[in-house]
Amino acid sequence: MSVDVKRVYEEPGPDDGTRVLVDRLWPRGLTKQDAQVDQWRKDVAPSSDLRRWFGHEPGRFEEFARRYVAELEGNPAVSEVAALGVDGSRLTLLYAARDTEHNHALVLRDVLRGYLDDTASGSGA
């Protein structure tokens, strides 16, 4: 399975597979038709408190990632999102943040990849 990330404002591509918006808020200025989102999973987005604390400041990203992973631990929605790609299909996580190097979708991608690797090896998550 492949888990990729993409800004929701980018043009949908034929290789995107299942497109999952992973933001708590709907992206500004974008219609649901233009977004071509298969699922909107607010339940895997960072909490509002954590999102506000981070404030998209790159210097806080490492601590943000640590706190966000802690929020995701034990969240049943993580396995539900991972299940979208268990059959080997591509999963594209969509986010609205402008910063392509410091955002929650990258952290979630790594968590999902780890979850799927554990599932494939039979060790569970």
PDB file of N, CA and C in Angstrom:
ATOM      1  N   MET A   1       0.827  -1.185   0.000  1.00  0.00           N
ATOM      2  CA  MET A   1       0.000   0.000   0.000  1.00  0.00           C
ATOM      3  C   MET A   1       0.867   1.242   0.000  1.00  0.00           C
ATOM      4  N   SER A   2       0.404   2.244  -0.662  1.00  0.00           N
ATOM      5  CA  SER A   2       1.098   3.514  -0.723  1.00  0.00           C
ATOM      6  C   SER A   2       0.255   4.579  -0.028  1.00  0.00           C
ATOM      7  N   VAL A   3       0.878   5.338   0.859  1.00  0.00           N
ATOM      8  CA  VAL A   3       0.216   6.467   1.500  1.00  0.00           C
ATOM      9  C   VAL A   3       0.972   7.716   1.079  1.00  0.00           C
ATOM     10  N   ASP A   4       0.270   8.623   0.423  1.00  0.00           N
ATOM     11  CA  ASP A   4       0.863   9.865  -0.037  1.00  0.00           C
ATOM     12  C   ASP A   4       0.134  11.038   0.601  1.00  0.00           C
ATOM     13  N   VAL A   5       0.730  12.210   0.498  1.00  0.00           N
ATOM     14  CA  VAL A   5       0.085  13.435   0.961  1.00  0.00           C
ATOM     15  C   VAL A   5       0.051  14.438  -0.175  1.00  0.00           C
ATOM     16  N   LYS A   6      -0.967  15.290  -0.127  1.00  0.00           N
ATOM     17  CA  LYS A   6      -1.150  16.262  -1.202  1.00  0.00           C
ATOM     18  C   LYS A   6      -1.998  17.403  -0.660  1.00  0.00           C
ATOM     19  N   ARG A   7      -1.677  18.611  -1.087  1.00  0.00           N
ATOM     20  CA  ARG A   7      -2.555  19.730  -0.726  1.00  0.00           C
ATOM     21  C   ARG A   7      -3.890  19.544  -1.426  1.00  0.00           C
ATOM     22  N   VAL A   8      -4.946  19.791  -0.715  1.00  0.00           N
ATOM     23  CA  VAL A   8      -6.284  19.590  -1.262  1.00  0.00           C
ATOM     24  C   VAL A   8      -6.554  20.563  -2.412  1.00  0.00           C
ATOM     25  N   TYR A   9      -5.809  21.655  -2.467  1.00  0.00           N
ATOM     26  CA  TYR A   9      -5.985  22.641  -3.534  1.00  0.00           C
ATOM     27  C   TYR A   9      -5.317  22.218  -4.847  1.00  0.00           C
ATOM     28  N   GLU A  10      -4.474  21.188  -4.801  1.00  0.00           N
ATOM     29  CA  GLU A  10      -3.841  20.683  -6.021  1.00  0.00           C
ATOM     30  C   GLU A  10      -4.871  19.912  -6.847  1.00  0.00           C
ATOM     31  N   GLU A  11      -4.624  19.882  -8.129  1.00  0.00           N
ATOM     32  CA  GLU A  11      -5.508  19.158  -9.050  1.00  0.00           C
ATOM     33  C   GLU A  11      -5.525  17.666  -8.701  1.00  0.00           C
ATOM     34  N   PRO A  12      -6.709  17.068  -8.575  1.00  0.00           N
ATOM     35  CA  PRO A  12      -6.763  15.618  -8.357  1.00  0.00           C
ATOM     36  C   PRO A  12      -6.098  14.883  -9.516  1.00  0.00           C
ATOM     37  N   GLY A  13      -5.397  13.809  -9.186  1.00  0.00           N
ATOM     38  CA  GLY A  13      -4.713  13.043 -10.217  1.00  0.00           C
ATOM     39  C   GLY A  13      -5.272  11.643 -10.350  1.00  0.00           C
ATOM     40  N   PRO A  14      -5.053  11.009 -11.480  1.00  0.00           N
ATOM     41  CA  PRO A  14      -5.577   9.663 -11.710  1.00  0.00           C
ATOM     42  C   PRO A  14      -4.932   8.613 -10.800  1.00  0.00           C
ATOM     43  N   ASP A  15      -3.757   8.914 -10.256  1.00  0.00           N
ATOM     44  CA  ASP A  15      -3.063   7.964  -9.381  1.00  0.00           C
ATOM     45  C   ASP A  15      -3.281   8.241  -7.898  1.00  0.00           C
ATOM     46  N   ASP A  16      -4.206   9.133  -7.554  1.00  0.00           N
ATOM     47  CA  ASP A  16      -4.428   9.479  -6.151  1.00  0.00           C
ATOM     48  C   ASP A  16      -5.038   8.339  -5.342  1.00  0.00           C
ATOM     49  N   GLY A  17      -5.759   7.463  -5.987  1.00  0.00           N
ATOM     50  CA  GLY A  17      -6.448   6.402  -5.246  1.00  0.00           C
ATOM     51  C   GLY A  17      -7.560   6.998  -4.399  1.00  0.00           C
ATOM     52  N   THR A  18      -7.706   6.496  -3.186  1.00  0.00           N
ATOM     53  CA  THR A  18      -8.729   7.009  -2.277  1.00  0.00           C
ATOM     54  C   THR A  18      -8.232   8.322  -1.682  1.00  0.00           C
ATOM     55  N   ARG A  19      -8.999   9.380  -1.882  1.00  0.00           N
ATOM     56  CA  ARG A  19      -8.626  10.723  -1.414  1.00  0.00           C
ATOM     57  C   ARG A  19      -9.343  11.017  -0.106  1.00  0.00           C
ATOM     58  N   VAL A  20      -8.545  11.231   0.951  1.00  0.00           N
ATOM     59  CA  VAL A  20      -9.105  11.422   2.289  1.00  0.00           C
ATOM     60  C   VAL A  20      -8.650  12.764   2.843  1.00  0.00           C
ATOM     61  N   LEU A  21      -9.601  13.662   3.069  1.00  0.00           N
ATOM     62  CA  LEU A  21      -9.300  14.940   3.705  1.00  0.00           C
ATOM     63  C   LEU A  21      -9.119  14.691   5.202  1.00  0.00           C
ATOM     64  N   VAL A  22      -7.979  15.115   5.750  1.00  0.00           N
ATOM     65  CA  VAL A  22      -7.664  14.827   7.147  1.00  0.00           C
ATOM     66  C   VAL A  22      -7.561  16.104   7.976  1.00  0.00           C
ATOM     67  N   ASP A  23      -8.267  17.142   7.580  1.00  0.00           N
ATOM     68  CA  ASP A  23      -8.326  18.400   8.331  1.00  0.00           C
ATOM     69  C   ASP A  23      -9.613  18.444   9.148  1.00  0.00           C
ATOM     70  N   ARG A  24      -9.542  19.123  10.273  1.00  0.00           N
ATOM     71  CA  ARG A  24     -10.718  19.279  11.126  1.00  0.00           C
ATOM     72  C   ARG A  24     -11.721  20.257  10.503  1.00  0.00           C
ATOM     73  N   LEU A  25     -11.199  21.243   9.763  1.00  0.00           N
ATOM     74  CA  LEU A  25     -12.044  22.259   9.139  1.00  0.00           C
ATOM     75  C   LEU A  25     -12.018  22.086   7.631  1.00  0.00           C
ATOM     76  N   TRP A  26     -13.151  22.398   6.977  1.00  0.00           N
ATOM     77  CA  TRP A  26     -13.190  22.315   5.516  1.00  0.00           C
ATOM     78  C   TRP A  26     -12.315  23.434   4.956  1.00  0.00           C
ATOM     79  N   PRO A  27     -11.544  23.154   3.899  1.00  0.00           N
ATOM     80  CA  PRO A  27     -10.648  24.154   3.313  1.00  0.00           C
ATOM     81  C   PRO A  27     -11.405  25.361   2.745  1.00  0.00           C
ATOM     82  N   ARG A  28     -10.873  26.530   3.014  1.00  0.00           N
ATOM     83  CA  ARG A  28     -11.505  27.766   2.540  1.00  0.00           C
ATOM     84  C   ARG A  28     -11.511  27.847   1.024  1.00  0.00           C
ATOM     85  N   GLY A  29     -12.635  28.326   0.507  1.00  0.00           N
ATOM     86  CA  GLY A  29     -12.739  28.615  -0.914  1.00  0.00           C
ATOM     87  C   GLY A  29     -12.789  27.409  -1.830  1.00  0.00           C
ATOM     88  N   LEU A  30     -13.019  26.232  -1.284  1.00  0.00           N
ATOM     89  CA  LEU A  30     -13.010  25.019  -2.102  1.00  0.00           C
ATOM     90  C   LEU A  30     -14.362  24.320  -1.987  1.00  0.00           C
ATOM     91  N   THR A  31     -14.954  24.027  -3.134  1.00  0.00           N
ATOM     92  CA  THR A  31     -16.229  23.311  -3.106  1.00  0.00           C
ATOM     93  C   THR A  31     -15.964  21.816  -2.959  1.00  0.00           C
ATOM     94  N   LYS A  32     -16.942  21.118  -2.480  1.00  0.00           N
ATOM     95  CA  LYS A  32     -16.795  19.669  -2.339  1.00  0.00           C
ATOM     96  C   LYS A  32     -16.614  19.006  -3.700  1.00  0.00           C
ATOM     97  N   GLN A  33     -17.229  19.546  -4.720  1.00  0.00           N
ATOM     98  CA  GLN A  33     -17.078  18.988  -6.070  1.00  0.00           C
ATOM     99  C   GLN A  33     -15.642  19.170  -6.564  1.00  0.00           C
ATOM    100  N   ASP A  34     -15.067  20.346  -6.354  1.00  0.00           N
ATOM    101  CA  ASP A  34     -13.698  20.602  -6.810  1.00  0.00           C
ATOM    102  C   ASP A  34     -12.676  19.782  -6.031  1.00  0.00           C
ATOM    103  N   ALA A  35     -12.940  19.540  -4.754  1.00  0.00           N
ATOM    104  CA  ALA A  35     -11.993  18.801  -3.916  1.00  0.00           C
ATOM    105  C   ALA A  35     -11.927  17.326  -4.291  1.00  0.00           C
ATOM    106  N   GLN A  36     -13.006  16.792  -4.794  1.00  0.00           N
ATOM    107  CA  GLN A  36     -13.085  15.372  -5.150  1.00  0.00           C
ATOM    108  C   GLN A  36     -12.569  14.487  -4.012  1.00  0.00           C
ATOM    109  N   VAL A  37     -13.131  14.689  -2.830  1.00  0.00           N
ATOM    110  CA  VAL A  37     -12.752  13.947  -1.638  1.00  0.00           C
ATOM    111  C   VAL A  37     -13.639  12.711  -1.512  1.00  0.00           C
ATOM    112  N   ASP A  38     -13.014  11.558  -1.288  1.00  0.00           N
ATOM    113  CA  ASP A  38     -13.781  10.332  -1.076  1.00  0.00           C
ATOM    114  C   ASP A  38     -14.299  10.243   0.352  1.00  0.00           C
ATOM    115  N   GLN A  39     -13.487  10.711   1.299  1.00  0.00           N
ATOM    116  CA  GLN A  39     -13.885  10.731   2.703  1.00  0.00           C
ATOM    117  C   GLN A  39     -13.298  11.960   3.369  1.00  0.00           C
ATOM    118  N   TRP A  40     -14.035  12.473   4.355  1.00  0.00           N
ATOM    119  CA  TRP A  40     -13.529  13.569   5.183  1.00  0.00           C
ATOM    120  C   TRP A  40     -13.432  13.010   6.593  1.00  0.00           C
ATOM    121  N   ARG A  41     -12.213  12.809   7.075  1.00  0.00           N
ATOM    122  CA  ARG A  41     -11.978  12.185   8.377  1.00  0.00           C
ATOM    123  C   ARG A  41     -11.421  13.208   9.362  1.00  0.00           C
ATOM    124  N   LYS A  42     -12.327  13.998   9.940  1.00  0.00           N
ATOM    125  CA  LYS A  42     -11.948  14.984  10.957  1.00  0.00           C
ATOM    126  C   LYS A  42     -11.384  14.302  12.193  1.00  0.00           C
ATOM    127  N   ASP A  43     -11.788  13.045  12.396  1.00  0.00           N
ATOM    128  CA  ASP A  43     -11.425  12.334  13.621  1.00  0.00           C
ATOM    129  C   ASP A  43      -9.958  11.914  13.685  1.00  0.00           C
ATOM    130  N   VAL A  44      -9.192  12.106  12.623  1.00  0.00           N
ATOM    131  CA  VAL A  44      -7.752  11.838  12.677  1.00  0.00           C
ATOM    132  C   VAL A  44      -6.936  13.128  12.613  1.00  0.00           C
ATOM    133  N   ALA A  45      -7.615  14.251  12.602  1.00  0.00           N
ATOM    134  CA  ALA A  45      -6.923  15.545  12.598  1.00  0.00           C
ATOM    135  C   ALA A  45      -6.454  15.874  14.020  1.00  0.00           C
ATOM    136  N   PRO A  46      -5.455  16.740  14.137  1.00  0.00           N
ATOM    137  CA  PRO A  46      -5.018  17.157  15.474  1.00  0.00           C
ATOM    138  C   PRO A  46      -6.159  17.859  16.206  1.00  0.00           C
ATOM    139  N   SER A  47      -6.136  17.773  17.519  1.00  0.00           N
ATOM    140  CA  SER A  47      -7.151  18.466  18.313  1.00  0.00           C
ATOM    141  C   SER A  47      -7.048  19.969  18.055  1.00  0.00           C
ATOM    142  N   SER A  48      -8.135  20.678  18.300  1.00  0.00           N
ATOM    143  CA  SER A  48      -8.133  22.129  18.101  1.00  0.00           C
ATOM    144  C   SER A  48      -7.084  22.799  18.977  1.00  0.00           C
ATOM    145  N   ASP A  49      -6.936  22.328  20.209  1.00  0.00           N
ATOM    146  CA  ASP A  49      -5.929  22.906  21.108  1.00  0.00           C
ATOM    147  C   ASP A  49      -4.518  22.716  20.556  1.00  0.00           C
ATOM    148  N   LEU A  50      -4.217  21.514  20.078  1.00  0.00           N
ATOM    149  CA  LEU A  50      -2.888  21.248  19.541  1.00  0.00           C
ATOM    150  C   LEU A  50      -2.651  22.055  18.267  1.00  0.00           C
ATOM    151  N   ARG A  51      -3.645  22.135  17.431  1.00  0.00           N
ATOM    152  CA  ARG A  51      -3.524  22.904  16.190  1.00  0.00           C
ATOM    153  C   ARG A  51      -3.247  24.376  16.479  1.00  0.00           C
ATOM    154  N   ARG A  52      -3.972  24.934  17.459  1.00  0.00           N
ATOM    155  CA  ARG A  52      -3.748  26.334  17.833  1.00  0.00           C
ATOM    156  C   ARG A  52      -2.360  26.526  18.439  1.00  0.00           C
ATOM    157  N   TRP A  53      -1.928  25.588  19.285  1.00  0.00           N
ATOM    158  CA  TRP A  53      -0.594  25.695  19.896  1.00  0.00           C
ATOM    159  C   TRP A  53       0.492  25.692  18.817  1.00  0.00           C
ATOM    160  N   PHE A  54       0.384  24.792  17.856  1.00  0.00           N
ATOM    161  CA  PHE A  54       1.375  24.681  16.788  1.00  0.00           C
ATOM    162  C   PHE A  54       1.438  25.964  15.964  1.00  0.00           C
ATOM    163  N   GLY A  55       0.288  26.469  15.553  1.00  0.00           N
ATOM    164  CA  GLY A  55       0.226  27.709  14.797  1.00  0.00           C
ATOM    165  C   GLY A  55       1.044  27.704  13.520  1.00  0.00           C
ATOM    166  N   HIS A  56       1.341  26.544  12.986  1.00  0.00           N
ATOM    167  CA  HIS A  56       2.120  26.376  11.755  1.00  0.00           C
ATOM    168  C   HIS A  56       3.501  27.014  11.854  1.00  0.00           C
ATOM    169  N   GLU A  57       4.076  26.997  13.062  1.00  0.00           N
ATOM    170  CA  GLU A  57       5.431  27.511  13.258  1.00  0.00           C
ATOM    171  C   GLU A  57       6.419  26.352  13.109  1.00  0.00           C
ATOM    172  N   PRO A  58       7.271  26.403  12.088  1.00  0.00           N
ATOM    173  CA  PRO A  58       8.200  25.296  11.834  1.00  0.00           C
ATOM    174  C   PRO A  58       9.061  24.922  13.044  1.00  0.00           C
ATOM    175  N   GLY A  59       9.425  25.872  13.874  1.00  0.00           N
ATOM    176  CA  GLY A  59      10.242  25.582  15.047  1.00  0.00           C
ATOM    177  C   GLY A  59       9.535  24.714  16.076  1.00  0.00           C
ATOM    178  N   ARG A  60       8.242  24.637  16.001  1.00  0.00           N
ATOM    179  CA  ARG A  60       7.457  23.812  16.926  1.00  0.00           C
ATOM    180  C   ARG A  60       7.084  22.458  16.337  1.00  0.00           C
ATOM    181  N   PHE A  61       7.486  22.219  15.091  1.00  0.00           N
ATOM    182  CA  PHE A  61       6.992  21.026  14.405  1.00  0.00           C
ATOM    183  C   PHE A  61       7.386  19.724  15.089  1.00  0.00           C
ATOM    184  N   GLU A  62       8.608  19.606  15.536  1.00  0.00           N
ATOM    185  CA  GLU A  62       9.042  18.349  16.159  1.00  0.00           C
ATOM    186  C   GLU A  62       8.203  18.033  17.400  1.00  0.00           C
ATOM    187  N   GLU A  63       7.976  19.031  18.242  1.00  0.00           N
ATOM    188  CA  GLU A  63       7.148  18.816  19.439  1.00  0.00           C
ATOM    189  C   GLU A  63       5.687  18.593  19.047  1.00  0.00           C
ATOM    190  N   PHE A  64       5.227  19.326  18.042  1.00  0.00           N
ATOM    191  CA  PHE A  64       3.876  19.119  17.543  1.00  0.00           C
ATOM    192  C   PHE A  64       3.684  17.672  17.097  1.00  0.00           C
ATOM    193  N   ALA A  65       4.651  17.157  16.323  1.00  0.00           N
ATOM    194  CA  ALA A  65       4.567  15.788  15.818  1.00  0.00           C
ATOM    195  C   ALA A  65       4.499  14.798  16.973  1.00  0.00           C
ATOM    196  N   ARG A  66       5.324  15.008  17.995  1.00  0.00           N
ATOM    197  CA  ARG A  66       5.323  14.117  19.154  1.00  0.00           C
ATOM    198  C   ARG A  66       3.947  14.125  19.833  1.00  0.00           C
ATOM    199  N   ARG A  67       3.402  15.305  20.043  1.00  0.00           N
ATOM    200  CA  ARG A  67       2.093  15.426  20.702  1.00  0.00           C
ATOM    201  C   ARG A  67       0.969  14.843  19.835  1.00  0.00           C
ATOM    202  N   TYR A  68       1.071  15.059  18.543  1.00  0.00           N
ATOM    203  CA  TYR A  68       0.046  14.554  17.631  1.00  0.00           C
ATOM    204  C   TYR A  68       0.061  13.028  17.587  1.00  0.00           C
ATOM    205  N   VAL A  69       1.239  12.434  17.536  1.00  0.00           N
ATOM    206  CA  VAL A  69       1.337  10.967  17.562  1.00  0.00           C
ATOM    207  C   VAL A  69       0.712  10.439  18.853  1.00  0.00           C
ATOM    208  N   ALA A  70       0.942  11.127  19.958  1.00  0.00           N
ATOM    209  CA  ALA A  70       0.338  10.715  21.234  1.00  0.00           C
ATOM    210  C   ALA A  70      -1.185  10.781  21.148  1.00  0.00           C
ATOM    211  N   GLU A  71      -1.717  11.795  20.474  1.00  0.00           N
ATOM    212  CA  GLU A  71      -3.168  11.883  20.296  1.00  0.00           C
ATOM    213  C   GLU A  71      -3.702  10.729  19.444  1.00  0.00           C
ATOM    214  N   LEU A  72      -2.921  10.330  18.463  1.00  0.00           N
ATOM    215  CA  LEU A  72      -3.369   9.271  17.547  1.00  0.00           C
ATOM    216  C   LEU A  72      -3.329   7.886  18.172  1.00  0.00           C
ATOM    217  N   GLU A  73      -2.475   7.691  19.180  1.00  0.00           N
ATOM    218  CA  GLU A  73      -2.369   6.376  19.822  1.00  0.00           C
ATOM    219  C   GLU A  73      -3.705   6.005  20.452  1.00  0.00           C
ATOM    220  N   GLY A  74      -4.199   4.863  20.101  1.00  0.00           N
ATOM    221  CA  GLY A  74      -5.465   4.394  20.649  1.00  0.00           C
ATOM    222  C   GLY A  74      -6.693   4.978  19.965  1.00  0.00           C
ATOM    223  N   ASN A  75      -6.499   5.816  18.966  1.00  0.00           N
ATOM    224  CA  ASN A  75      -7.623   6.392  18.233  1.00  0.00           C
ATOM    225  C   ASN A  75      -8.088   5.359  17.200  1.00  0.00           C
ATOM    226  N   PRO A  76      -9.294   4.802  17.351  1.00  0.00           N
ATOM    227  CA  PRO A  76      -9.756   3.768  16.423  1.00  0.00           C
ATOM    228  C   PRO A  76      -9.886   4.267  14.990  1.00  0.00           C
ATOM    229  N   ALA A  77      -9.994   5.566  14.796  1.00  0.00           N
ATOM    230  CA  ALA A  77     -10.113   6.121  13.446  1.00  0.00           C
ATOM    231  C   ALA A  77      -8.845   5.878  12.632  1.00  0.00           C
ATOM    232  N   VAL A  78      -7.698   5.760  13.300  1.00  0.00           N
ATOM    233  CA  VAL A  78      -6.446   5.511  12.575  1.00  0.00           C
ATOM    234  C   VAL A  78      -6.527   4.174  11.842  1.00  0.00           C
ATOM    235  N   SER A  79      -6.994   3.153  12.518  1.00  0.00           N
ATOM    236  CA  SER A  79      -7.096   1.846  11.862  1.00  0.00           C
ATOM    237  C   SER A  79      -8.167   1.861  10.779  1.00  0.00           C
ATOM    238  N   GLU A  80      -9.215   2.655  10.966  1.00  0.00           N
ATOM    239  CA  GLU A  80     -10.260   2.755   9.945  1.00  0.00           C
ATOM    240  C   GLU A  80      -9.712   3.406   8.675  1.00  0.00           C
ATOM    241  N   VAL A  81      -8.909   4.446   8.826  1.00  0.00           N
ATOM    242  CA  VAL A  81      -8.308   5.094   7.663  1.00  0.00           C
ATOM    243  C   VAL A  81      -7.291   4.150   7.026  1.00  0.00           C
ATOM    244  N   ALA A  82      -6.489   3.492   7.846  1.00  0.00           N
ATOM    245  CA  ALA A  82      -5.499   2.543   7.315  1.00  0.00           C
ATOM    246  C   ALA A  82      -6.189   1.426   6.535  1.00  0.00           C
ATOM    247  N   ALA A  83      -7.355   1.014   6.978  1.00  0.00           N
ATOM    248  CA  ALA A  83      -8.077  -0.076   6.318  1.00  0.00           C
ATOM    249  C   ALA A  83      -8.454   0.274   4.879  1.00  0.00           C
ATOM    250  N   LEU A  84      -8.494   1.555   4.565  1.00  0.00           N
ATOM    251  CA  LEU A  84      -8.818   1.968   3.200  1.00  0.00           C
ATOM    252  C   LEU A  84      -7.748   1.524   2.207  1.00  0.00           C
ATOM    253  N   GLY A  85      -6.548   1.215   2.723  1.00  0.00           N
ATOM    254  CA  GLY A  85      -5.479   0.824   1.828  1.00  0.00           C
ATOM    255  C   GLY A  85      -4.894  -0.536   2.103  1.00  0.00           C
ATOM    256  N   VAL A  86      -5.533  -1.312   2.951  1.00  0.00           N
ATOM    257  CA  VAL A  86      -4.994  -2.623   3.309  1.00  0.00           C
ATOM    258  C   VAL A  86      -4.894  -3.544   2.098  1.00  0.00           C
ATOM    259  N   ASP A  87      -5.776  -3.381   1.155  1.00  0.00           N
ATOM    260  CA  ASP A  87      -5.774  -4.264  -0.020  1.00  0.00           C
ATOM    261  C   ASP A  87      -4.693  -3.901  -1.035  1.00  0.00           C
ATOM    262  N   GLY A  88      -3.818  -2.986  -0.677  1.00  0.00           N
ATOM    263  CA  GLY A  88      -2.729  -2.607  -1.571  1.00  0.00           C
ATOM    264  C   GLY A  88      -3.017  -1.378  -2.417  1.00  0.00           C
ATOM    265  N   SER A  89      -4.157  -0.759  -2.216  1.00  0.00           N
ATOM    266  CA  SER A  89      -4.492   0.417  -3.015  1.00  0.00           C
ATOM    267  C   SER A  89      -3.795   1.671  -2.473  1.00  0.00           C
ATOM    268  N   ARG A  90      -3.759   2.687  -3.287  1.00  0.00           N
ATOM    269  CA  ARG A  90      -3.123   3.959  -2.919  1.00  0.00           C
ATOM    270  C   ARG A  90      -4.101   4.790  -2.092  1.00  0.00           C
ATOM    271  N   LEU A  91      -3.550   5.453  -1.103  1.00  0.00           N
ATOM    272  CA  LEU A  91      -4.309   6.333  -0.234  1.00  0.00           C
ATOM    273  C   LEU A  91      -3.626   7.693  -0.264  1.00  0.00           C
ATOM    274  N   THR A  92      -4.375   8.743  -0.564  1.00  0.00           N
ATOM    275  CA  THR A  92      -3.816  10.095  -0.586  1.00  0.00           C
ATOM    276  C   THR A  92      -4.483  10.904   0.510  1.00  0.00           C
ATOM    277  N   LEU A  93      -3.666  11.367   1.453  1.00  0.00           N
ATOM    278  CA  LEU A  93      -4.132  12.215   2.547  1.00  0.00           C
ATOM    279  C   LEU A  93      -4.096  13.661   2.074  1.00  0.00           C
ATOM    280  N   LEU A  94      -5.204  14.334   2.180  1.00  0.00           N
ATOM    281  CA  LEU A  94      -5.325  15.707   1.722  1.00  0.00           C
ATOM    282  C   LEU A  94      -5.338  16.663   2.909  1.00  0.00           C
ATOM    283  N   TYR A  95      -4.647  17.794   2.760  1.00  0.00           N
ATOM    284  CA  TYR A  95      -4.575  18.800   3.816  1.00  0.00           C
ATOM    285  C   TYR A  95      -4.603  20.177   3.157  1.00  0.00           C
ATOM    286  N   ALA A  96      -4.928  21.207   3.925  1.00  0.00           N
ATOM    287  CA  ALA A  96      -5.035  22.555   3.372  1.00  0.00           C
ATOM    288  C   ALA A  96      -3.855  23.457   3.710  1.00  0.00           C
ATOM    289  N   ALA A  97      -3.039  23.104   4.666  1.00  0.00           N
ATOM    290  CA  ALA A  97      -1.940  23.970   5.101  1.00  0.00           C
ATOM    291  C   ALA A  97      -1.043  24.351   3.932  1.00  0.00           C
ATOM    292  N   ARG A  98      -0.513  25.563   3.985  1.00  0.00           N
ATOM    293  CA  ARG A  98       0.387  26.035   2.926  1.00  0.00           C
ATOM    294  C   ARG A  98       1.766  25.404   3.024  1.00  0.00           C
ATOM    295  N   ASP A  99       2.202  25.123   4.241  1.00  0.00           N
ATOM    296  CA  ASP A  99       3.545  24.580   4.459  1.00  0.00           C
ATOM    297  C   ASP A  99       3.542  23.093   4.104  1.00  0.00           C
ATOM    298  N   THR A 100       4.279  22.749   3.064  1.00  0.00           N
ATOM    299  CA  THR A 100       4.295  21.364   2.600  1.00  0.00           C
ATOM    300  C   THR A 100       5.306  20.501   3.351  1.00  0.00           C
ATOM    301  N   GLU A 101       6.112  21.108   4.212  1.00  0.00           N
ATOM    302  CA  GLU A 101       7.131  20.362   4.945  1.00  0.00           C
ATOM    303  C   GLU A 101       6.851  20.234   6.438  1.00  0.00           C
ATOM    304  N   HIS A 102       5.915  21.019   6.957  1.00  0.00           N
ATOM    305  CA  HIS A 102       5.611  21.017   8.391  1.00  0.00           C
ATOM    306  C   HIS A 102       4.097  21.007   8.574  1.00  0.00           C
ATOM    307  N   ASN A 103       3.482  19.844   8.403  1.00  0.00           N
ATOM    308  CA  ASN A 103       2.036  19.756   8.571  1.00  0.00           C
ATOM    309  C   ASN A 103       1.654  18.385   9.113  1.00  0.00           C
ATOM    310  N   HIS A 104       0.463  18.304   9.650  1.00  0.00           N
ATOM    311  CA  HIS A 104       0.011  17.088  10.322  1.00  0.00           C
ATOM    312  C   HIS A 104      -0.167  15.906   9.371  1.00  0.00           C
ATOM    313  N   ALA A 105      -0.451  16.160   8.104  1.00  0.00           N
ATOM    314  CA  ALA A 105      -0.657  15.054   7.165  1.00  0.00           C
ATOM    315  C   ALA A 105       0.618  14.227   7.000  1.00  0.00           C
ATOM    316  N   LEU A 106       1.780  14.867   7.085  1.00  0.00           N
ATOM    317  CA  LEU A 106       3.047  14.134   6.996  1.00  0.00           C
ATOM    318  C   LEU A 106       3.225  13.209   8.194  1.00  0.00           C
ATOM    319  N   VAL A 107       2.845  13.700   9.362  1.00  0.00           N
ATOM    320  CA  VAL A 107       2.941  12.888  10.587  1.00  0.00           C
ATOM    321  C   VAL A 107       1.970  11.719  10.488  1.00  0.00           C
ATOM    322  N   LEU A 108       0.737  11.999  10.086  1.00  0.00           N
ATOM    323  CA  LEU A 108      -0.266  10.949   9.953  1.00  0.00           C
ATOM    324  C   LEU A 108       0.157   9.918   8.916  1.00  0.00           C
ATOM    325  N   ARG A 109       0.742  10.362   7.814  1.00  0.00           N
ATOM    326  CA  ARG A 109       1.237   9.435   6.791  1.00  0.00           C
ATOM    327  C   ARG A 109       2.223   8.440   7.403  1.00  0.00           C
ATOM    328  N   ASP A 110       3.168   8.956   8.193  1.00  0.00           N
ATOM    329  CA  ASP A 110       4.168   8.078   8.798  1.00  0.00           C
ATOM    330  C   ASP A 110       3.537   7.110   9.796  1.00  0.00           C
ATOM    331  N   VAL A 111       2.553   7.588  10.553  1.00  0.00           N
ATOM    332  CA  VAL A 111       1.845   6.717  11.499  1.00  0.00           C
ATOM    333  C   VAL A 111       1.108   5.615  10.739  1.00  0.00           C
ATOM    334  N   LEU A 112       0.424   5.977   9.661  1.00  0.00           N
ATOM    335  CA  LEU A 112      -0.321   4.990   8.873  1.00  0.00           C
ATOM    336  C   LEU A 112       0.614   3.976   8.226  1.00  0.00           C
ATOM    337  N   ARG A 113       1.735   4.448   7.708  1.00  0.00           N
ATOM    338  CA  ARG A 113       2.709   3.523   7.112  1.00  0.00           C
ATOM    339  C   ARG A 113       3.209   2.537   8.160  1.00  0.00           C
ATOM    340  N   GLY A 114       3.496   3.012   9.350  1.00  0.00           N
ATOM    341  CA  GLY A 114       3.928   2.125  10.429  1.00  0.00           C
ATOM    342  C   GLY A 114       2.838   1.141  10.809  1.00  0.00           C
ATOM    343  N   TYR A 115       1.613   1.622  10.879  1.00  0.00           N
ATOM    344  CA  TYR A 115       0.481   0.762  11.203  1.00  0.00           C
ATOM    345  C   TYR A 115       0.328  -0.336  10.155  1.00  0.00           C
ATOM    346  N   LEU A 116       0.412   0.053   8.891  1.00  0.00           N
ATOM    347  CA  LEU A 116       0.239  -0.910   7.815  1.00  0.00           C
ATOM    348  C   LEU A 116       1.406  -1.888   7.749  1.00  0.00           C
ATOM    349  N   ASP A 117       2.616  -1.412   8.016  1.00  0.00           N
ATOM    350  CA  ASP A 117       3.772  -2.319   8.060  1.00  0.00           C
ATOM    351  C   ASP A 117       3.590  -3.352   9.169  1.00  0.00           C
ATOM    352  N   ASP A 118       3.118  -2.902  10.341  1.00  0.00           N
ATOM    353  CA  ASP A 118       2.876  -3.822  11.454  1.00  0.00           C
ATOM    354  C   ASP A 118       1.788  -4.814  11.104  1.00  0.00           C
ATOM    355  N   THR A 119       0.732  -4.347  10.460  1.00  0.00           N
ATOM    356  CA  THR A 119      -0.378  -5.222  10.073  1.00  0.00           C
ATOM    357  C   THR A 119       0.094  -6.249   9.056  1.00  0.00           C
ATOM    358  N   ALA A 120       0.903  -5.822   8.088  1.00  0.00           N
ATOM    359  CA  ALA A 120       1.383  -6.735   7.046  1.00  0.00           C
ATOM    360  C   ALA A 120       2.319  -7.793   7.615  1.00  0.00           C
ATOM    361  N   SER A 121       3.091  -7.416   8.652  1.00  0.00           N
ATOM    362  CA  SER A 121       4.027  -8.362   9.235  1.00  0.00           C
ATOM    363  C   SER A 121       3.373  -9.259  10.280  1.00  0.00           C
ATOM    364  N   GLY A 122       2.075  -8.962  10.574  1.00  0.00           N
ATOM    365  CA  GLY A 122       1.355  -9.796  11.508  1.00  0.00           C
ATOM    366  C   GLY A 122       1.532  -9.420  12.966  1.00  0.00           C
ATOM    367  N   SER A 123       2.223  -8.311  13.236  1.00  0.00           N
ATOM    368  CA  SER A 123       2.433  -7.926  14.641  1.00  0.00           C
ATOM    369  C   SER A 123       1.311  -7.052  15.180  1.00  0.00           C
ATOM    370  N   GLY A 124       0.364  -6.643  14.314  1.00  0.00           N
ATOM    371  CA  GLY A 124      -0.753  -5.829  14.757  1.00  0.00           C
ATOM    372  C   GLY A 124      -0.312  -4.419  15.037  1.00  0.00           C
ATOM    373  N   ALA A 125      -1.279  -3.596  15.528  1.00  0.00           N
ATOM    374  CA  ALA A 125      -0.940  -2.200  15.805  1.00  0.00           C
ATOM    375  C   ALA A 125      -1.321  -1.819  17.192  1.00  0.00           C
TER     376      ALA A 125
END
